[in-house]
Amino acid sequence: MGFFDLFRRSPAIVEAGALAEFIDRNAAFLVQKGMYEYSRARAGHYAKVLLREPEFLIAMESARWQAYPLGLAMVGEMVEKVLNPHIAADRRAGIDALAGLVLSVFDRYPIPEPFDAPTWEGERRELARQLELIGLHPPKPVKDIPVPFAKRYFDLMPIHQKLRAPDYPSITNYLRVSLINIHDRLVDCLDGAAAAQSLLAGNADRRRAPDR
């Protein structure tokens, strides 16, 4: 990357594949960054030592994979809010299409080491359920989207219970601020009408595929 590339805007997201990449990258970033920052804060002066410990690295790997479906659910709901003006005429179809896209992101990865196949499939079903729930209420303010997920996310922190402080409100605020920042990045680079059209077209293609 050249120096002047730092000042260029990200390429516009105009189709479903690029939107999937955005969801994947930011869901992983959202959950992993919070875990590292919380672990570093709780370890204090020993943070550098902790972050190199094999036991911690194993625990972090497990925790981030357990949290990844939560990140997908939060970022997915935020994306639906941004796309809503372009899918409002048939919101149910838009949510179904987005759910299919988010689940296709989940399906990119082999079963991670902390899980067996039935447990990972259960995580997928729960993610699908959370995406289905989006249609049961109007789009939420972005700051409210993480609230139902924050307690489960906090419980996954790779820090022993004895070393935790009553930091649940701080973690909730971290998720809120981070998701707002992700929202702003998406708004800055999304062609909403084109992305919605691509998303709905891709969902129609998936529905026709078994008949071919």
Protein backbone atom coordinates (compact mmCIF):
# COMPACT_ATOMS: atom_id res chain seq x y z
CA MET A 1 0.00 0.00 0.00
CA GLY A 2 1.37 3.41 -0.95
CA PHE A 3 1.24 6.45 1.32
CA PHE A 4 -1.55 8.15 -0.63
CA ASP A 5 -3.65 4.94 -0.57
CA LEU A 6 -4.29 5.68 3.11
CA PHE A 7 -6.43 8.66 2.09
CA ARG A 8 -8.51 6.88 -0.51
CA ARG A 9 -12.03 5.74 0.25
CA SER A 10 -12.73 2.02 0.34
CA PRO A 11 -14.21 0.64 -2.88
CA ALA A 12 -17.99 0.94 -2.97
CA ILE A 13 -19.93 -2.14 -1.92
CA VAL A 14 -22.36 -2.72 -4.77
CA GLU A 15 -22.93 -6.48 -4.73
CA ALA A 16 -23.67 -9.25 -2.27
CA GLY A 17 -20.21 -10.85 -2.39
CA ALA A 18 -18.53 -7.64 -1.23
CA LEU A 19 -21.19 -7.23 1.45
CA ALA A 20 -20.44 -10.76 2.69
CA GLU A 21 -16.75 -9.86 2.95
CA PHE A 22 -17.63 -6.77 4.97
CA ILE A 23 -19.83 -8.79 7.34
CA ASP A 24 -17.21 -11.49 7.81
CA ARG A 25 -14.31 -9.11 8.43
CA ASN A 26 -16.17 -6.84 10.81
CA ALA A 27 -17.91 -9.59 12.79
CA ALA A 28 -14.53 -11.19 13.48
CA PHE A 29 -12.97 -7.81 14.32
CA LEU A 30 -15.81 -6.84 16.67
CA VAL A 31 -15.57 -9.89 18.90
CA GLN A 32 -11.82 -10.47 18.79
CA LYS A 33 -10.75 -6.87 19.46
CA GLY A 34 -12.95 -6.66 22.55
CA MET A 35 -11.53 -9.89 23.95
CA TYR A 36 -7.93 -8.80 23.50
CA GLU A 37 -8.56 -5.35 24.93
CA TYR A 38 -10.41 -6.71 27.97
CA SER A 39 -7.75 -9.35 28.61
CA ARG A 40 -5.01 -6.75 28.33
CA ALA A 41 -6.81 -4.41 30.72
CA ARG A 42 -7.41 -7.11 33.33
CA ALA A 43 -3.81 -8.34 33.14
CA GLY A 44 -2.41 -4.84 33.65
CA HIS A 45 1.39 -4.84 33.87
CA TYR A 46 1.43 -8.57 33.07
CA ALA A 47 -0.41 -8.14 29.77
CA LYS A 48 2.62 -8.78 27.56
CA VAL A 49 3.36 -11.99 29.43
CA LEU A 50 -0.29 -13.13 29.34
CA LEU A 51 -0.70 -12.54 25.62
CA ARG A 52 2.24 -14.86 24.91
CA GLU A 53 1.15 -17.68 27.22
CA PRO A 54 0.21 -20.85 25.26
CA GLU A 55 -2.71 -21.53 27.61
CA PHE A 56 -4.10 -18.05 27.03
CA LEU A 57 -3.69 -18.32 23.26
CA ILE A 58 -5.62 -21.61 23.27
CA ALA A 59 -8.36 -20.06 25.42
CA MET A 60 -8.52 -17.01 23.15
CA GLU A 61 -8.81 -19.17 20.03
CA SER A 62 -11.71 -21.06 21.58
CA ALA A 63 -13.42 -17.90 22.85
CA ARG A 64 -13.21 -15.99 19.59
CA TRP A 65 -14.77 -18.86 17.64
CA GLN A 66 -17.55 -19.16 20.21
CA ALA A 67 -18.17 -15.42 19.89
CA TYR A 68 -17.98 -15.30 16.09
CA PRO A 69 -21.68 -16.24 15.55
CA LEU A 70 -22.61 -13.43 17.96
CA GLY A 71 -20.58 -11.02 15.85
CA LEU A 72 -22.33 -12.23 12.71
CA ALA A 73 -25.73 -11.74 14.36
CA MET A 74 -24.93 -8.19 15.48
CA VAL A 75 -23.32 -7.06 12.24
CA GLY A 76 -26.04 -8.80 10.22
CA GLU A 77 -28.80 -6.93 12.05
CA MET A 78 -26.94 -3.66 11.61
CA VAL A 79 -26.65 -4.31 7.86
CA GLU A 80 -30.40 -4.92 7.67
CA LYS A 81 -31.00 -1.54 9.27
CA VAL A 82 -28.81 0.16 6.66
CA LEU A 83 -30.45 -1.70 3.78
CA ASN A 84 -33.97 -1.27 5.13
CA PRO A 85 -34.89 1.77 2.98
CA HIS A 86 -34.10 -0.33 -0.09
CA ILE A 87 -35.93 -3.51 0.97
CA ALA A 88 -38.86 -2.02 2.90
CA ALA A 89 -41.33 -2.88 0.11
CA ASP A 90 -40.75 -6.56 0.89
CA ARG A 91 -38.82 -6.56 4.14
CA ARG A 92 -39.37 -10.26 4.74
CA ALA A 93 -37.71 -11.16 1.45
CA GLY A 94 -34.85 -8.81 2.26
CA ILE A 95 -34.30 -10.33 5.69
CA ASP A 96 -34.45 -13.86 4.25
CA ALA A 97 -31.88 -12.89 1.64
CA LEU A 98 -29.61 -11.29 4.23
CA ALA A 99 -29.95 -14.30 6.53
CA GLY A 100 -28.90 -16.55 3.67
CA LEU A 101 -25.88 -14.36 3.04
CA VAL A 102 -24.83 -14.27 6.70
CA LEU A 103 -25.22 -18.04 7.02
CA SER A 104 -23.12 -18.50 3.88
CA VAL A 105 -20.37 -16.54 5.66
CA PHE A 106 -20.69 -18.85 8.67
CA ASP A 107 -20.44 -21.85 6.32
CA ARG A 108 -17.13 -20.67 4.85
CA TYR A 109 -15.23 -22.13 7.76
CA PRO A 110 -14.61 -25.74 8.77
CA ILE A 111 -15.72 -26.76 12.25
CA PRO A 112 -13.28 -24.98 14.59
CA GLU A 113 -11.34 -27.01 17.09
CA PRO A 114 -13.33 -26.05 20.23
CA PHE A 115 -16.50 -27.58 18.70
CA ASP A 116 -17.77 -30.91 17.59
CA ALA A 117 -20.10 -31.13 14.60
CA PRO A 118 -23.42 -31.19 16.54
CA THR A 119 -22.40 -28.22 18.71
CA TRP A 120 -21.27 -26.14 15.72
CA GLU A 121 -24.51 -26.98 13.92
CA GLY A 122 -26.35 -25.81 17.03
CA GLU A 123 -24.49 -22.49 16.81
CA ARG A 124 -25.62 -22.20 13.20
CA ARG A 125 -29.25 -22.86 14.14
CA GLU A 126 -29.07 -20.23 16.87
CA LEU A 127 -27.58 -17.73 14.43
CA ALA A 128 -30.40 -18.49 11.97
CA ARG A 129 -32.93 -17.97 14.78
CA GLN A 130 -31.43 -14.61 15.71
CA LEU A 131 -31.53 -13.47 12.09
CA GLU A 132 -35.16 -14.57 11.84
CA LEU A 133 -36.03 -12.45 14.88
CA ILE A 134 -34.94 -9.28 13.06
CA GLY A 135 -38.26 -9.23 11.22
CA LEU A 136 -40.33 -9.27 14.41
CA HIS A 137 -39.65 -5.61 15.21
CA PRO A 138 -38.80 -2.39 13.38
CA PRO A 139 -35.09 -1.73 12.81
CA LYS A 140 -33.41 -0.88 16.11
CA PRO A 141 -31.06 2.02 16.76
CA VAL A 142 -27.56 0.64 16.18
CA LYS A 143 -26.61 1.26 19.82
CA ASP A 144 -29.36 -1.12 20.96
CA ILE A 145 -28.50 -4.03 18.67
CA PRO A 146 -25.69 -5.47 20.86
CA VAL A 147 -27.66 -5.40 24.12
CA PRO A 148 -29.24 -8.90 23.83
CA PHE A 149 -25.82 -10.39 23.00
CA ALA A 150 -23.61 -8.56 25.49
CA LYS A 151 -23.99 -10.90 28.50
CA ARG A 152 -23.18 -14.02 26.49
CA TYR A 153 -20.23 -12.24 24.91
CA PHE A 154 -18.91 -11.14 28.30
CA ASP A 155 -19.23 -14.68 29.66
CA LEU A 156 -16.93 -15.89 26.86
CA MET A 157 -14.00 -13.68 27.89
CA PRO A 158 -10.84 -15.83 28.16
CA ILE A 159 -10.12 -14.58 31.67
CA HIS A 160 -10.62 -16.63 34.83
CA GLN A 161 -13.77 -15.72 36.74
CA LYS A 162 -11.73 -14.72 39.81
CA LEU A 163 -9.88 -12.09 37.79
CA ARG A 164 -12.96 -10.49 36.31
CA ALA A 165 -14.36 -7.23 37.59
CA PRO A 166 -18.02 -6.17 37.28
CA ASP A 167 -17.24 -4.99 33.76
CA TYR A 168 -20.40 -6.08 31.97
CA PRO A 169 -21.59 -2.44 31.43
CA SER A 170 -18.20 -1.52 29.98
CA ILE A 171 -18.29 -4.47 27.60
CA THR A 172 -21.81 -3.52 26.52
CA ASN A 173 -20.61 0.01 25.80
CA TYR A 174 -17.63 -1.35 23.86
CA LEU A 175 -19.98 -3.34 21.63
CA ARG A 176 -22.26 -0.34 21.15
CA VAL A 177 -19.48 2.07 20.18
CA SER A 178 -17.74 -0.47 17.96
CA LEU A 179 -20.93 -1.39 16.11
CA ILE A 180 -21.72 2.29 15.55
CA ASN A 181 -18.26 2.72 14.04
CA ILE A 182 -18.79 -0.31 11.79
CA HIS A 183 -22.17 1.13 10.78
CA ASP A 184 -20.55 4.42 9.83
CA ARG A 185 -17.92 2.63 7.72
CA LEU A 186 -20.64 0.69 5.92
CA VAL A 187 -22.72 3.80 5.21
CA ASP A 188 -19.62 5.48 3.83
CA CYS A 189 -18.90 2.77 1.25
CA LEU A 190 -22.27 1.12 0.52
CA ASP A 191 -24.33 1.60 -2.61
CA GLY A 192 -27.52 0.56 -0.85
CA ALA A 193 -29.79 0.23 -3.87
CA ALA A 194 -27.28 -1.81 -5.88
CA ALA A 195 -26.33 -4.03 -2.93
CA ALA A 196 -29.99 -4.70 -2.08
CA GLN A 197 -30.74 -5.64 -5.69
CA SER A 198 -27.74 -7.99 -5.78
CA LEU A 199 -28.73 -9.53 -2.44
CA LEU A 200 -32.31 -10.21 -3.52
CA ALA A 201 -31.20 -11.57 -6.90
CA GLY A 202 -28.76 -13.93 -5.23
CA ASN A 203 -31.46 -15.20 -2.89
CA ALA A 204 -33.75 -15.86 -5.84
CA ASP A 205 -30.96 -17.81 -7.55
CA ARG A 206 -30.44 -19.94 -4.42
CA ARG A 207 -34.14 -20.75 -4.28
CA ARG A 208 -34.16 -21.85 -7.94
CA ALA A 209 -30.99 -23.92 -7.68
CA PRO A 210 -32.64 -27.25 -6.64
CA ASP A 211 -34.89 -27.12 -9.72
CA ARG A 212 -32.02 -26.94 -12.18
